[in-house]
Amino acid sequence: MQPFEKLCGLVLPIDRANVDTDAIIPKQYLKSIYRSGFGANLFDDWRYLDPGEPYMDHSQRRINPDFLLHDARYRNAEILLTRENYGCGSSREHAVWAMVDFGIRVVIAPSFADIFFNNSLNNGLLAITLPLPMVDQLFEEVNNKLGYRLTVDLEAKTIATPGGEIISFEIEEFRRHRLLTGLDEIGLTLLHAEAILAYEQNHKQSAPWLF
């Protein structure tokens, strides 16, 4: 996965609590085990006024003009600001795939569903938990400033606002290391490739009847 170090990104504010994974990527699009191609259907039911299906021409669908992804102010957003319990519902990893494929690298919320939080780690999405009053403040600022950007520094564990305020956030050290180095679970395993190969070779000699 792509390492995460520092990002100065445009903020997309979705002021909703309990956003579930079916809202992030509807079930009809879960047709692939590859991580790419899901960004076009991120928040699909909110982006369009008529239902969508895989492989259809989405340019022919009726857009929902009230949804922020159609607002030019939030085009190319890389940071999602949202409310508590983000990513609840089913455990589909496709929800994180859709966000990353769309271009979202950071999501900030007061709390996350556990499975979504862990899936984000395995796909290079930095999920930051902040206290509710701080999230309220960020919503107020982003709604009052055109082109609102935050600078997220994972090495320093800080968020810098356009006004110069520095917000510290907590992240478990092992999670931080994995995101900084871009190591998913497969990558972590491959760090021990020589030891694994040596074990397999020794095991073949000690128990040849198993092979």
N, C-alpha and C. Protein backbone atom coordinates (compact mmCIF):
# COMPACT_ATOMS: atom_id res chain seq x y z
N MET A 1 0.85 -1.19 0.00
CA MET A 1 0.00 0.00 0.00
C MET A 1 0.88 1.24 0.00
N GLN A 2 0.31 2.39 -0.35
CA GLN A 2 1.07 3.63 -0.43
C GLN A 2 1.39 4.15 0.96
N PRO A 3 2.66 4.44 1.25
CA PRO A 3 3.00 4.98 2.56
C PRO A 3 2.34 6.34 2.79
N PHE A 4 2.08 6.65 4.04
CA PHE A 4 1.51 7.95 4.42
C PHE A 4 2.49 8.65 5.34
N GLU A 5 2.88 9.87 4.98
CA GLU A 5 3.77 10.65 5.83
C GLU A 5 3.13 11.99 6.19
N LYS A 6 2.89 12.82 5.16
CA LYS A 6 2.34 14.15 5.40
C LYS A 6 1.44 14.53 4.23
N LEU A 7 0.33 15.16 4.52
CA LEU A 7 -0.63 15.52 3.48
C LEU A 7 -1.26 16.87 3.80
N CYS A 8 -1.26 17.77 2.81
CA CYS A 8 -2.03 19.00 2.89
C CYS A 8 -3.20 18.83 1.93
N GLY A 9 -4.38 18.55 2.47
CA GLY A 9 -5.49 18.15 1.62
C GLY A 9 -6.75 18.96 1.82
N LEU A 10 -7.53 19.05 0.76
CA LEU A 10 -8.84 19.69 0.80
C LEU A 10 -9.79 18.82 1.61
N VAL A 11 -10.63 19.45 2.42
CA VAL A 11 -11.52 18.73 3.34
C VAL A 11 -12.93 18.64 2.77
N LEU A 12 -13.48 17.43 2.78
CA LEU A 12 -14.87 17.16 2.41
C LEU A 12 -15.66 16.94 3.69
N PRO A 13 -16.62 17.82 4.04
CA PRO A 13 -17.38 17.65 5.28
C PRO A 13 -18.71 16.90 5.03
N ILE A 14 -18.83 15.73 5.60
CA ILE A 14 -20.10 15.00 5.53
C ILE A 14 -20.64 14.93 6.96
N ASP A 15 -21.59 15.80 7.24
CA ASP A 15 -22.07 16.00 8.61
C ASP A 15 -23.18 15.00 8.93
N ARG A 16 -22.80 13.73 9.00
CA ARG A 16 -23.75 12.66 9.30
C ARG A 16 -23.09 11.68 10.26
N ALA A 17 -23.86 11.23 11.23
CA ALA A 17 -23.40 10.19 12.14
C ALA A 17 -23.85 8.82 11.64
N ASN A 18 -23.17 7.78 12.10
CA ASN A 18 -23.55 6.40 11.80
C ASN A 18 -23.60 6.11 10.30
N VAL A 19 -22.64 6.63 9.56
CA VAL A 19 -22.55 6.33 8.12
C VAL A 19 -22.10 4.88 7.98
N ASP A 20 -22.97 4.04 7.42
CA ASP A 20 -22.62 2.62 7.35
C ASP A 20 -21.93 2.28 6.02
N THR A 21 -21.39 1.08 5.97
CA THR A 21 -20.60 0.70 4.81
C THR A 21 -21.44 0.54 3.55
N ASP A 22 -22.74 0.29 3.70
CA ASP A 22 -23.60 0.20 2.52
C ASP A 22 -23.83 1.58 1.91
N ALA A 23 -23.76 2.62 2.74
CA ALA A 23 -23.83 3.99 2.21
C ALA A 23 -22.51 4.36 1.54
N ILE A 24 -21.40 3.88 2.10
CA ILE A 24 -20.09 4.19 1.52
C ILE A 24 -19.94 3.53 0.16
N ILE A 25 -20.29 2.25 0.06
CA ILE A 25 -20.25 1.54 -1.22
C ILE A 25 -21.39 0.51 -1.22
N PRO A 26 -22.47 0.76 -1.97
CA PRO A 26 -23.63 -0.14 -1.95
C PRO A 26 -23.29 -1.56 -2.38
N LYS A 27 -24.07 -2.49 -1.87
CA LYS A 27 -23.77 -3.92 -2.01
C LYS A 27 -23.70 -4.41 -3.44
N GLN A 28 -24.44 -3.78 -4.37
CA GLN A 28 -24.46 -4.28 -5.74
C GLN A 28 -23.13 -4.11 -6.46
N TYR A 29 -22.24 -3.27 -5.88
CA TYR A 29 -20.95 -3.04 -6.52
C TYR A 29 -19.85 -3.97 -6.01
N LEU A 30 -20.19 -4.86 -5.10
CA LEU A 30 -19.16 -5.73 -4.53
C LEU A 30 -18.92 -6.93 -5.43
N LYS A 31 -18.49 -6.66 -6.65
CA LYS A 31 -18.36 -7.69 -7.66
C LYS A 31 -16.91 -8.07 -7.94
N SER A 32 -15.98 -7.46 -7.24
CA SER A 32 -14.57 -7.68 -7.57
C SER A 32 -13.77 -7.80 -6.29
N ILE A 33 -12.68 -8.57 -6.36
CA ILE A 33 -11.75 -8.68 -5.24
C ILE A 33 -10.54 -7.78 -5.43
N TYR A 34 -10.53 -7.02 -6.53
CA TYR A 34 -9.45 -6.07 -6.77
C TYR A 34 -9.80 -4.75 -6.10
N ARG A 35 -8.77 -4.01 -5.68
CA ARG A 35 -8.99 -2.82 -4.88
C ARG A 35 -9.30 -1.57 -5.70
N SER A 36 -9.19 -1.63 -6.99
CA SER A 36 -9.39 -0.46 -7.82
C SER A 36 -10.77 -0.48 -8.48
N GLY A 37 -11.23 0.71 -8.88
CA GLY A 37 -12.47 0.83 -9.62
C GLY A 37 -13.70 1.15 -8.80
N PHE A 38 -13.56 1.19 -7.47
CA PHE A 38 -14.72 1.41 -6.60
C PHE A 38 -14.97 2.89 -6.31
N GLY A 39 -13.99 3.74 -6.59
CA GLY A 39 -14.14 5.16 -6.27
C GLY A 39 -15.28 5.83 -6.99
N ALA A 40 -15.59 5.36 -8.20
CA ALA A 40 -16.68 5.96 -8.99
C ALA A 40 -18.03 5.77 -8.31
N ASN A 41 -18.12 4.81 -7.39
CA ASN A 41 -19.41 4.52 -6.74
C ASN A 41 -19.39 4.83 -5.25
N LEU A 42 -18.40 5.61 -4.81
CA LEU A 42 -18.37 6.06 -3.42
C LEU A 42 -19.62 6.88 -3.11
N PHE A 43 -20.32 6.54 -2.03
CA PHE A 43 -21.56 7.21 -1.63
C PHE A 43 -22.58 7.24 -2.78
N ASP A 44 -22.66 6.16 -3.51
CA ASP A 44 -23.44 6.13 -4.75
C ASP A 44 -24.90 6.50 -4.54
N ASP A 45 -25.53 5.97 -3.50
CA ASP A 45 -26.95 6.24 -3.28
C ASP A 45 -27.21 7.70 -2.92
N TRP A 46 -26.22 8.39 -2.42
CA TRP A 46 -26.36 9.80 -2.08
C TRP A 46 -26.00 10.70 -3.26
N ARG A 47 -25.18 10.20 -4.16
CA ARG A 47 -24.72 11.01 -5.29
C ARG A 47 -25.75 11.09 -6.42
N TYR A 48 -26.60 10.06 -6.51
CA TYR A 48 -27.54 9.99 -7.63
C TYR A 48 -28.98 9.85 -7.15
N LEU A 49 -29.91 10.27 -8.00
CA LEU A 49 -31.33 10.20 -7.67
C LEU A 49 -31.99 8.93 -8.17
N ASP A 50 -31.28 8.16 -8.99
CA ASP A 50 -31.81 6.88 -9.45
C ASP A 50 -30.81 5.78 -9.13
N PRO A 51 -31.27 4.53 -9.00
CA PRO A 51 -30.38 3.44 -8.59
C PRO A 51 -29.33 3.12 -9.65
N GLY A 52 -28.19 2.65 -9.17
CA GLY A 52 -27.10 2.30 -10.08
C GLY A 52 -26.80 0.82 -10.05
N GLU A 53 -26.17 0.35 -11.11
CA GLU A 53 -25.75 -1.04 -11.21
C GLU A 53 -24.31 -1.08 -11.74
N PRO A 54 -23.60 -2.17 -11.49
CA PRO A 54 -22.23 -2.27 -11.99
C PRO A 54 -22.17 -2.17 -13.51
N TYR A 55 -21.11 -1.56 -13.98
CA TYR A 55 -20.77 -1.48 -15.40
C TYR A 55 -21.70 -0.58 -16.21
N MET A 56 -22.61 0.13 -15.56
CA MET A 56 -23.49 1.02 -16.31
C MET A 56 -22.78 2.35 -16.57
N ASP A 57 -23.32 3.14 -17.49
CA ASP A 57 -22.79 4.45 -17.80
C ASP A 57 -23.37 5.45 -16.79
N HIS A 58 -22.57 5.77 -15.79
CA HIS A 58 -23.08 6.63 -14.71
C HIS A 58 -23.29 8.06 -15.17
N SER A 59 -22.70 8.44 -16.28
CA SER A 59 -22.88 9.81 -16.79
C SER A 59 -24.33 10.04 -17.23
N GLN A 60 -25.08 8.96 -17.43
CA GLN A 60 -26.47 9.08 -17.87
C GLN A 60 -27.45 9.11 -16.69
N ARG A 61 -26.94 8.99 -15.47
CA ARG A 61 -27.82 8.99 -14.30
C ARG A 61 -28.11 10.42 -13.83
N ARG A 62 -29.20 10.57 -13.12
CA ARG A 62 -29.58 11.87 -12.58
C ARG A 62 -28.83 12.12 -11.27
N ILE A 63 -28.01 13.16 -11.25
CA ILE A 63 -27.22 13.44 -10.05
C ILE A 63 -28.08 14.12 -8.99
N ASN A 64 -27.64 13.98 -7.75
CA ASN A 64 -28.26 14.68 -6.63
C ASN A 64 -27.49 15.99 -6.44
N PRO A 65 -28.04 17.11 -6.87
CA PRO A 65 -27.28 18.37 -6.82
C PRO A 65 -26.99 18.85 -5.40
N ASP A 66 -27.68 18.28 -4.42
CA ASP A 66 -27.49 18.72 -3.04
C ASP A 66 -26.35 17.99 -2.33
N PHE A 67 -25.82 16.93 -2.97
CA PHE A 67 -24.75 16.18 -2.31
C PHE A 67 -23.40 16.81 -2.64
N LEU A 68 -22.54 16.89 -1.63
CA LEU A 68 -21.31 17.68 -1.73
C LEU A 68 -20.33 17.21 -2.80
N LEU A 69 -20.35 15.92 -3.16
CA LEU A 69 -19.39 15.46 -4.17
C LEU A 69 -19.64 16.11 -5.53
N HIS A 70 -20.80 16.71 -5.71
CA HIS A 70 -21.08 17.41 -6.96
C HIS A 70 -20.81 18.92 -6.86
N ASP A 71 -20.31 19.34 -5.70
CA ASP A 71 -19.99 20.75 -5.48
C ASP A 71 -18.52 20.97 -5.86
N ALA A 72 -18.27 21.91 -6.76
CA ALA A 72 -16.91 22.17 -7.24
C ALA A 72 -15.97 22.56 -6.11
N ARG A 73 -16.51 23.07 -5.00
CA ARG A 73 -15.65 23.47 -3.87
C ARG A 73 -14.93 22.28 -3.25
N TYR A 74 -15.49 21.08 -3.43
CA TYR A 74 -14.92 19.91 -2.77
C TYR A 74 -14.31 18.93 -3.77
N ARG A 75 -14.12 19.38 -4.99
CA ARG A 75 -13.52 18.52 -6.00
C ARG A 75 -12.07 18.21 -5.59
N ASN A 76 -11.67 16.97 -5.76
CA ASN A 76 -10.31 16.51 -5.43
C ASN A 76 -10.03 16.54 -3.93
N ALA A 77 -11.07 16.43 -3.11
CA ALA A 77 -10.86 16.36 -1.66
C ALA A 77 -10.09 15.10 -1.29
N GLU A 78 -9.20 15.21 -0.32
CA GLU A 78 -8.39 14.09 0.15
C GLU A 78 -8.60 13.77 1.63
N ILE A 79 -9.34 14.65 2.32
CA ILE A 79 -9.61 14.45 3.74
C ILE A 79 -11.12 14.49 3.96
N LEU A 80 -11.64 13.47 4.59
CA LEU A 80 -13.07 13.41 4.90
C LEU A 80 -13.27 13.73 6.38
N LEU A 81 -14.13 14.69 6.65
CA LEU A 81 -14.51 15.06 8.02
C LEU A 81 -15.94 14.59 8.23
N THR A 82 -16.17 13.80 9.27
CA THR A 82 -17.50 13.24 9.46
C THR A 82 -17.80 13.06 10.94
N ARG A 83 -18.89 12.37 11.24
CA ARG A 83 -19.36 12.25 12.61
C ARG A 83 -19.11 10.86 13.19
N GLU A 84 -19.68 10.63 14.39
CA GLU A 84 -19.35 9.44 15.17
C GLU A 84 -19.83 8.15 14.50
N ASN A 85 -19.13 7.07 14.87
CA ASN A 85 -19.47 5.71 14.44
C ASN A 85 -19.38 5.55 12.92
N TYR A 86 -18.42 6.20 12.32
CA TYR A 86 -18.26 6.10 10.87
C TYR A 86 -17.82 4.69 10.49
N GLY A 87 -18.43 4.16 9.42
CA GLY A 87 -18.06 2.84 8.92
C GLY A 87 -18.75 1.69 9.63
N CYS A 88 -19.89 1.96 10.27
CA CYS A 88 -20.62 0.88 10.94
C CYS A 88 -21.31 0.01 9.90
N GLY A 89 -21.99 -1.03 10.35
CA GLY A 89 -22.67 -1.93 9.41
C GLY A 89 -21.82 -3.15 9.09
N SER A 90 -21.91 -3.60 7.85
CA SER A 90 -21.21 -4.83 7.47
C SER A 90 -19.70 -4.59 7.43
N SER A 91 -18.96 -5.68 7.38
CA SER A 91 -17.50 -5.61 7.50
C SER A 91 -16.79 -5.44 6.16
N ARG A 92 -17.51 -5.11 5.10
CA ARG A 92 -16.90 -5.08 3.76
C ARG A 92 -15.69 -4.15 3.69
N GLU A 93 -14.57 -4.74 3.28
CA GLU A 93 -13.34 -3.96 3.08
C GLU A 93 -13.47 -3.03 1.88
N HIS A 94 -14.41 -3.34 1.00
CA HIS A 94 -14.63 -2.51 -0.19
C HIS A 94 -14.93 -1.06 0.19
N ALA A 95 -15.47 -0.83 1.38
CA ALA A 95 -15.77 0.55 1.79
C ALA A 95 -14.49 1.38 1.84
N VAL A 96 -13.45 0.81 2.41
CA VAL A 96 -12.17 1.52 2.45
C VAL A 96 -11.56 1.59 1.05
N TRP A 97 -11.68 0.51 0.29
CA TRP A 97 -11.16 0.53 -1.09
C TRP A 97 -11.78 1.67 -1.88
N ALA A 98 -13.09 1.87 -1.73
CA ALA A 98 -13.78 2.93 -2.48
C ALA A 98 -13.26 4.30 -2.09
N MET A 99 -13.04 4.52 -0.80
CA MET A 99 -12.54 5.81 -0.35
C MET A 99 -11.15 6.09 -0.88
N VAL A 100 -10.27 5.10 -0.77
CA VAL A 100 -8.89 5.28 -1.23
C VAL A 100 -8.85 5.44 -2.75
N ASP A 101 -9.65 4.66 -3.46
CA ASP A 101 -9.68 4.75 -4.92
C ASP A 101 -10.21 6.12 -5.38
N PHE A 102 -11.11 6.70 -4.61
CA PHE A 102 -11.63 8.03 -4.92
C PHE A 102 -10.57 9.11 -4.70
N GLY A 103 -9.66 8.84 -3.76
CA GLY A 103 -8.60 9.80 -3.46
C GLY A 103 -8.55 10.26 -2.02
N ILE A 104 -9.42 9.70 -1.16
CA ILE A 104 -9.43 10.05 0.26
C ILE A 104 -8.28 9.32 0.95
N ARG A 105 -7.41 10.08 1.64
CA ARG A 105 -6.29 9.48 2.36
C ARG A 105 -6.44 9.59 3.87
N VAL A 106 -7.31 10.51 4.33
CA VAL A 106 -7.51 10.72 5.77
C VAL A 106 -9.00 10.85 6.03
N VAL A 107 -9.47 10.24 7.12
CA VAL A 107 -10.84 10.44 7.59
C VAL A 107 -10.78 10.80 9.07
N ILE A 108 -11.46 11.88 9.42
CA ILE A 108 -11.46 12.40 10.79
C ILE A 108 -12.88 12.30 11.34
N ALA A 109 -13.01 11.71 12.53
CA ALA A 109 -14.32 11.54 13.15
C ALA A 109 -14.15 11.39 14.65
N PRO A 110 -15.24 11.56 15.43
CA PRO A 110 -15.15 11.33 16.87
C PRO A 110 -14.97 9.85 17.22
N SER A 111 -15.46 8.95 16.34
CA SER A 111 -15.32 7.52 16.59
C SER A 111 -15.56 6.75 15.30
N PHE A 112 -15.06 5.52 15.27
CA PHE A 112 -15.19 4.65 14.10
C PHE A 112 -15.68 3.28 14.53
N ALA A 113 -16.37 2.60 13.61
CA ALA A 113 -16.67 1.18 13.83
C ALA A 113 -15.36 0.41 13.81
N ASP A 114 -15.23 -0.59 14.68
CA ASP A 114 -13.96 -1.29 14.87
C ASP A 114 -13.43 -1.92 13.59
N ILE A 115 -14.29 -2.64 12.86
CA ILE A 115 -13.81 -3.35 11.68
C ILE A 115 -13.38 -2.37 10.60
N PHE A 116 -14.15 -1.30 10.40
CA PHE A 116 -13.73 -0.29 9.44
C PHE A 116 -12.39 0.31 9.84
N PHE A 117 -12.21 0.58 11.12
CA PHE A 117 -10.97 1.18 11.62
C PHE A 117 -9.78 0.28 11.29
N ASN A 118 -9.94 -1.02 11.48
CA ASN A 118 -8.85 -1.95 11.18
C ASN A 118 -8.65 -2.11 9.68
N ASN A 119 -9.73 -2.12 8.91
CA ASN A 119 -9.59 -2.20 7.46
C ASN A 119 -8.86 -0.99 6.90
N SER A 120 -9.06 0.17 7.51
CA SER A 120 -8.39 1.37 7.02
C SER A 120 -6.88 1.23 7.15
N LEU A 121 -6.42 0.63 8.24
CA LEU A 121 -4.99 0.43 8.44
C LEU A 121 -4.39 -0.43 7.35
N ASN A 122 -5.11 -1.47 6.95
CA ASN A 122 -4.57 -2.41 5.97
C ASN A 122 -4.61 -1.88 4.54
N ASN A 123 -5.14 -0.67 4.36
CA ASN A 123 -5.26 -0.12 3.01
C ASN A 123 -4.71 1.30 2.89
N GLY A 124 -3.96 1.74 3.89
CA GLY A 124 -3.29 3.03 3.81
C GLY A 124 -4.16 4.23 4.05
N LEU A 125 -5.34 4.03 4.65
CA LEU A 125 -6.22 5.14 4.99
C LEU A 125 -6.01 5.51 6.45
N LEU A 126 -5.63 6.75 6.71
CA LEU A 126 -5.38 7.20 8.08
C LEU A 126 -6.70 7.63 8.72
N ALA A 127 -7.16 6.89 9.71
CA ALA A 127 -8.38 7.21 10.45
C ALA A 127 -7.99 7.88 11.76
N ILE A 128 -8.40 9.12 11.93
CA ILE A 128 -8.02 9.93 13.10
C ILE A 128 -9.25 10.17 13.96
N THR A 129 -9.13 9.85 15.23
CA THR A 129 -10.19 10.11 16.19
C THR A 129 -9.89 11.39 16.96
N LEU A 130 -10.84 12.33 16.93
CA LEU A 130 -10.70 13.57 17.67
C LEU A 130 -11.91 13.76 18.58
N PRO A 131 -11.75 14.50 19.68
CA PRO A 131 -12.89 14.77 20.56
C PRO A 131 -13.99 15.51 19.82
N LEU A 132 -15.22 15.28 20.24
CA LEU A 132 -16.37 15.88 19.58
C LEU A 132 -16.28 17.41 19.49
N PRO A 133 -15.89 18.14 20.54
CA PRO A 133 -15.80 19.61 20.42
C PRO A 133 -14.82 20.04 19.32
N MET A 134 -13.74 19.30 19.15
CA MET A 134 -12.78 19.63 18.10
C MET A 134 -13.36 19.35 16.72
N VAL A 135 -14.10 18.25 16.58
CA VAL A 135 -14.76 17.96 15.31
C VAL A 135 -15.80 19.04 15.00
N ASP A 136 -16.55 19.48 16.02
CA ASP A 136 -17.51 20.56 15.83
C ASP A 136 -16.82 21.82 15.32
N GLN A 137 -15.67 22.13 15.90
CA GLN A 137 -14.92 23.31 15.49
C GLN A 137 -14.48 23.21 14.03
N LEU A 138 -13.99 22.03 13.64
CA LEU A 138 -13.53 21.84 12.26
C LEU A 138 -14.69 21.97 11.28
N PHE A 139 -15.86 21.44 11.64
CA PHE A 139 -17.02 21.58 10.77
C PHE A 139 -17.38 23.06 10.59
N GLU A 140 -17.34 23.81 11.67
CA GLU A 140 -17.65 25.23 11.58
C GLU A 140 -16.66 25.94 10.67
N GLU A 141 -15.38 25.62 10.81
CA GLU A 141 -14.36 26.29 10.01
C GLU A 141 -14.46 25.92 8.53
N VAL A 142 -14.66 24.64 8.24
CA VAL A 142 -14.71 24.22 6.83
C VAL A 142 -15.95 24.77 6.14
N ASN A 143 -17.04 24.94 6.88
CA ASN A 143 -18.26 25.47 6.29
C ASN A 143 -18.19 26.98 6.06
N ASN A 144 -17.23 27.63 6.71
CA ASN A 144 -17.11 29.09 6.59
C ASN A 144 -15.95 29.54 5.73
N LYS A 145 -15.19 28.59 5.21
CA LYS A 145 -14.01 28.97 4.41
C LYS A 145 -13.95 28.16 3.13
N LEU A 146 -13.93 28.85 2.02
CA LEU A 146 -13.82 28.20 0.72
C LEU A 146 -12.43 27.59 0.55
N GLY A 147 -12.37 26.34 0.08
CA GLY A 147 -11.08 25.70 -0.15
C GLY A 147 -10.34 25.37 1.13
N TYR A 148 -11.07 24.97 2.17
CA TYR A 148 -10.48 24.69 3.48
C TYR A 148 -9.58 23.45 3.41
N ARG A 149 -8.34 23.62 3.86
CA ARG A 149 -7.36 22.54 3.83
C ARG A 149 -6.77 22.30 5.22
N LEU A 150 -6.47 21.06 5.49
CA LEU A 150 -5.75 20.68 6.69
C LEU A 150 -4.43 20.03 6.30
N THR A 151 -3.42 20.25 7.13
CA THR A 151 -2.13 19.59 6.92
C THR A 151 -1.97 18.52 8.00
N VAL A 152 -1.96 17.28 7.57
CA VAL A 152 -1.86 16.15 8.50
C VAL A 152 -0.44 15.59 8.43
N ASP A 153 0.22 15.59 9.57
CA ASP A 153 1.61 15.10 9.67
C ASP A 153 1.60 13.87 10.57
N LEU A 154 1.74 12.70 9.96
CA LEU A 154 1.68 11.47 10.74
C LEU A 154 2.92 11.28 11.59
N GLU A 155 4.07 11.72 11.10
CA GLU A 155 5.30 11.60 11.87
C GLU A 155 5.19 12.39 13.18
N ALA A 156 4.65 13.60 13.09
CA ALA A 156 4.52 14.45 14.27
C ALA A 156 3.22 14.21 15.03
N LYS A 157 2.28 13.50 14.41
CA LYS A 157 0.96 13.24 14.98
C LYS A 157 0.22 14.55 15.24
N THR A 158 0.21 15.40 14.21
CA THR A 158 -0.44 16.70 14.33
C THR A 158 -1.29 17.01 13.10
N ILE A 159 -2.27 17.90 13.31
CA ILE A 159 -3.08 18.45 12.23
C ILE A 159 -2.96 19.97 12.34
N ALA A 160 -2.60 20.63 11.25
CA ALA A 160 -2.49 22.08 11.23
C ALA A 160 -3.65 22.66 10.44
N THR A 161 -4.36 23.62 11.04
CA THR A 161 -5.47 24.29 10.38
C THR A 161 -4.97 25.49 9.58
N PRO A 162 -5.79 26.02 8.66
CA PRO A 162 -5.37 27.21 7.91
C PRO A 162 -5.06 28.40 8.80
N GLY A 163 -5.68 28.47 9.98
CA GLY A 163 -5.43 29.57 10.90
C GLY A 163 -4.19 29.42 11.74
N GLY A 164 -3.48 28.28 11.56
CA GLY A 164 -2.23 28.07 12.30
C GLY A 164 -2.38 27.27 13.57
N GLU A 165 -3.58 26.83 13.91
CA GLU A 165 -3.75 26.00 15.10
C GLU A 165 -3.19 24.62 14.86
N ILE A 166 -2.50 24.09 15.85
CA ILE A 166 -1.93 22.74 15.78
C ILE A 166 -2.72 21.82 16.69
N ILE A 167 -3.30 20.79 16.09
CA ILE A 167 -4.11 19.82 16.83
C ILE A 167 -3.34 18.50 16.90
N SER A 168 -3.12 18.01 18.08
CA SER A 168 -2.43 16.73 18.25
C SER A 168 -3.46 15.60 18.25
N PHE A 169 -3.06 14.46 17.71
CA PHE A 169 -3.93 13.28 17.76
C PHE A 169 -3.12 12.08 18.20
N GLU A 170 -3.81 11.09 18.72
CA GLU A 170 -3.18 9.88 19.20
C GLU A 170 -3.33 8.77 18.17
N ILE A 171 -2.31 7.95 18.06
CA ILE A 171 -2.36 6.78 17.20
C ILE A 171 -1.41 5.74 17.78
N GLU A 172 -1.86 4.52 17.84
CA GLU A 172 -1.03 3.43 18.37
C GLU A 172 0.24 3.32 17.54
N GLU A 173 1.38 3.13 18.19
CA GLU A 173 2.68 3.23 17.52
C GLU A 173 2.84 2.21 16.39
N PHE A 174 2.34 1.00 16.59
CA PHE A 174 2.47 -0.01 15.53
C PHE A 174 1.67 0.39 14.31
N ARG A 175 0.48 0.97 14.52
CA ARG A 175 -0.32 1.45 13.39
C ARG A 175 0.42 2.57 12.65
N ARG A 176 0.99 3.49 13.41
CA ARG A 176 1.71 4.60 12.81
C ARG A 176 2.88 4.10 11.97
N HIS A 177 3.62 3.13 12.52
CA HIS A 177 4.76 2.57 11.79
C HIS A 177 4.32 1.94 10.48
N ARG A 178 3.24 1.18 10.52
CA ARG A 178 2.77 0.51 9.30
C ARG A 178 2.34 1.51 8.24
N LEU A 179 1.65 2.56 8.65
CA LEU A 179 1.20 3.56 7.69
C LEU A 179 2.38 4.35 7.12
N LEU A 180 3.34 4.70 7.97
CA LEU A 180 4.51 5.44 7.50
C LEU A 180 5.33 4.64 6.50
N THR A 181 5.40 3.33 6.70
CA THR A 181 6.22 2.48 5.84
C THR A 181 5.43 1.83 4.71
N GLY A 182 4.10 1.94 4.76
CA GLY A 182 3.28 1.34 3.71
C GLY A 182 3.21 -0.17 3.80
N LEU A 183 3.27 -0.70 5.00
CA LEU A 183 3.28 -2.16 5.19
C LEU A 183 1.88 -2.67 5.55
N ASP A 184 1.26 -3.42 4.65
CA ASP A 184 0.04 -4.12 5.01
C ASP A 184 0.43 -5.47 5.61
N GLU A 185 -0.54 -6.35 5.86
CA GLU A 185 -0.23 -7.61 6.52
C GLU A 185 0.67 -8.50 5.66
N ILE A 186 0.49 -8.45 4.34
CA ILE A 186 1.36 -9.22 3.45
C ILE A 186 2.76 -8.66 3.49
N GLY A 187 2.87 -7.34 3.47
CA GLY A 187 4.18 -6.71 3.54
C GLY A 187 4.92 -7.06 4.83
N LEU A 188 4.19 -7.07 5.94
CA LEU A 188 4.81 -7.46 7.21
C LEU A 188 5.33 -8.89 7.16
N THR A 189 4.55 -9.77 6.55
CA THR A 189 4.96 -11.17 6.44
C THR A 189 6.22 -11.31 5.59
N LEU A 190 6.26 -10.55 4.49
CA LEU A 190 7.40 -10.66 3.58
C LEU A 190 8.70 -10.14 4.19
N LEU A 191 8.61 -9.36 5.26
CA LEU A 191 9.83 -8.95 5.96
C LEU A 191 10.58 -10.15 6.52
N HIS A 192 9.85 -11.25 6.71
CA HIS A 192 10.45 -12.47 7.29
C HIS A 192 10.58 -13.56 6.23
N ALA A 193 10.70 -13.17 4.97
CA ALA A 193 10.72 -14.14 3.88
C ALA A 193 11.88 -15.13 4.01
N GLU A 194 13.05 -14.66 4.39
CA GLU A 194 14.21 -15.56 4.52
C GLU A 194 13.98 -16.57 5.63
N ALA A 195 13.45 -16.13 6.75
CA ALA A 195 13.20 -17.05 7.86
C ALA A 195 12.12 -18.07 7.49
N ILE A 196 11.11 -17.63 6.75
CA ILE A 196 10.05 -18.54 6.32
C ILE A 196 10.61 -19.59 5.37
N LEU A 197 11.44 -19.16 4.42
CA LEU A 197 12.05 -20.09 3.47
C LEU A 197 12.94 -21.10 4.19
N ALA A 198 13.72 -20.62 5.16
CA ALA A 198 14.60 -21.52 5.91
C ALA A 198 13.78 -22.54 6.68
N TYR A 199 12.68 -22.12 7.28
CA TYR A 199 11.81 -23.05 8.01
C TYR A 199 11.24 -24.11 7.07
N GLU A 200 10.78 -23.69 5.89
CA GLU A 200 10.21 -24.65 4.95
C GLU A 200 11.24 -25.67 4.50
N GLN A 201 12.45 -25.22 4.25
CA GLN A 201 13.51 -26.13 3.82
C GLN A 201 13.86 -27.13 4.93
N ASN A 202 13.95 -26.64 6.17
CA ASN A 202 14.26 -27.53 7.29
C ASN A 202 13.12 -28.51 7.54
N HIS A 203 11.89 -28.04 7.34
CA HIS A 203 10.74 -28.89 7.57
C HIS A 203 10.67 -30.01 6.53
N LYS A 204 11.07 -29.72 5.32
CA LYS A 204 11.09 -30.76 4.29
C LYS A 204 12.09 -31.85 4.62
N GLN A 205 13.21 -31.45 5.24
CA GLN A 205 14.23 -32.44 5.59
C GLN A 205 13.82 -33.26 6.81
N SER A 206 13.16 -32.60 7.78
CA SER A 206 12.82 -33.30 9.01
C SER A 206 11.54 -34.13 8.87
N ALA A 207 10.67 -33.75 7.96
CA ALA A 207 9.41 -34.48 7.77
C ALA A 207 9.11 -34.62 6.29
N PRO A 208 9.95 -35.35 5.55
CA PRO A 208 9.79 -35.44 4.10
C PRO A 208 8.47 -36.10 3.68
N TRP A 209 7.88 -36.91 4.56
CA TRP A 209 6.64 -37.60 4.18
C TRP A 209 5.44 -36.66 4.05
N LEU A 210 5.62 -35.43 4.50
CA LEU A 210 4.54 -34.45 4.38
C LEU A 210 4.53 -33.74 3.04
N PHE A 211 5.57 -33.98 2.25
CA PHE A 211 5.69 -33.22 1.00
C PHE A 211 5.58 -34.16 -0.20
